[in-house]
């Protein structure tokens, strides 16, 4: 997980934000990244639930 200090290094405008605000921003960024990955995988596989992604195999279903 990216540290709050690293967030401040990446985006200097965040230096004045409180730790609580940075945690919320970081959580939103992780959610956006997850959504982007899921959308990409869905487009790539043509499935809403691509087998083999997220550590699942067809035997797990």
Foldseek 3Di string as FASTA:
>chain_A
DDDLVVVCVVPVVCPPPDPVVSVVVVVVVVVVVVVVVQVVVCVVVVDNDDAPPPNHHPVND
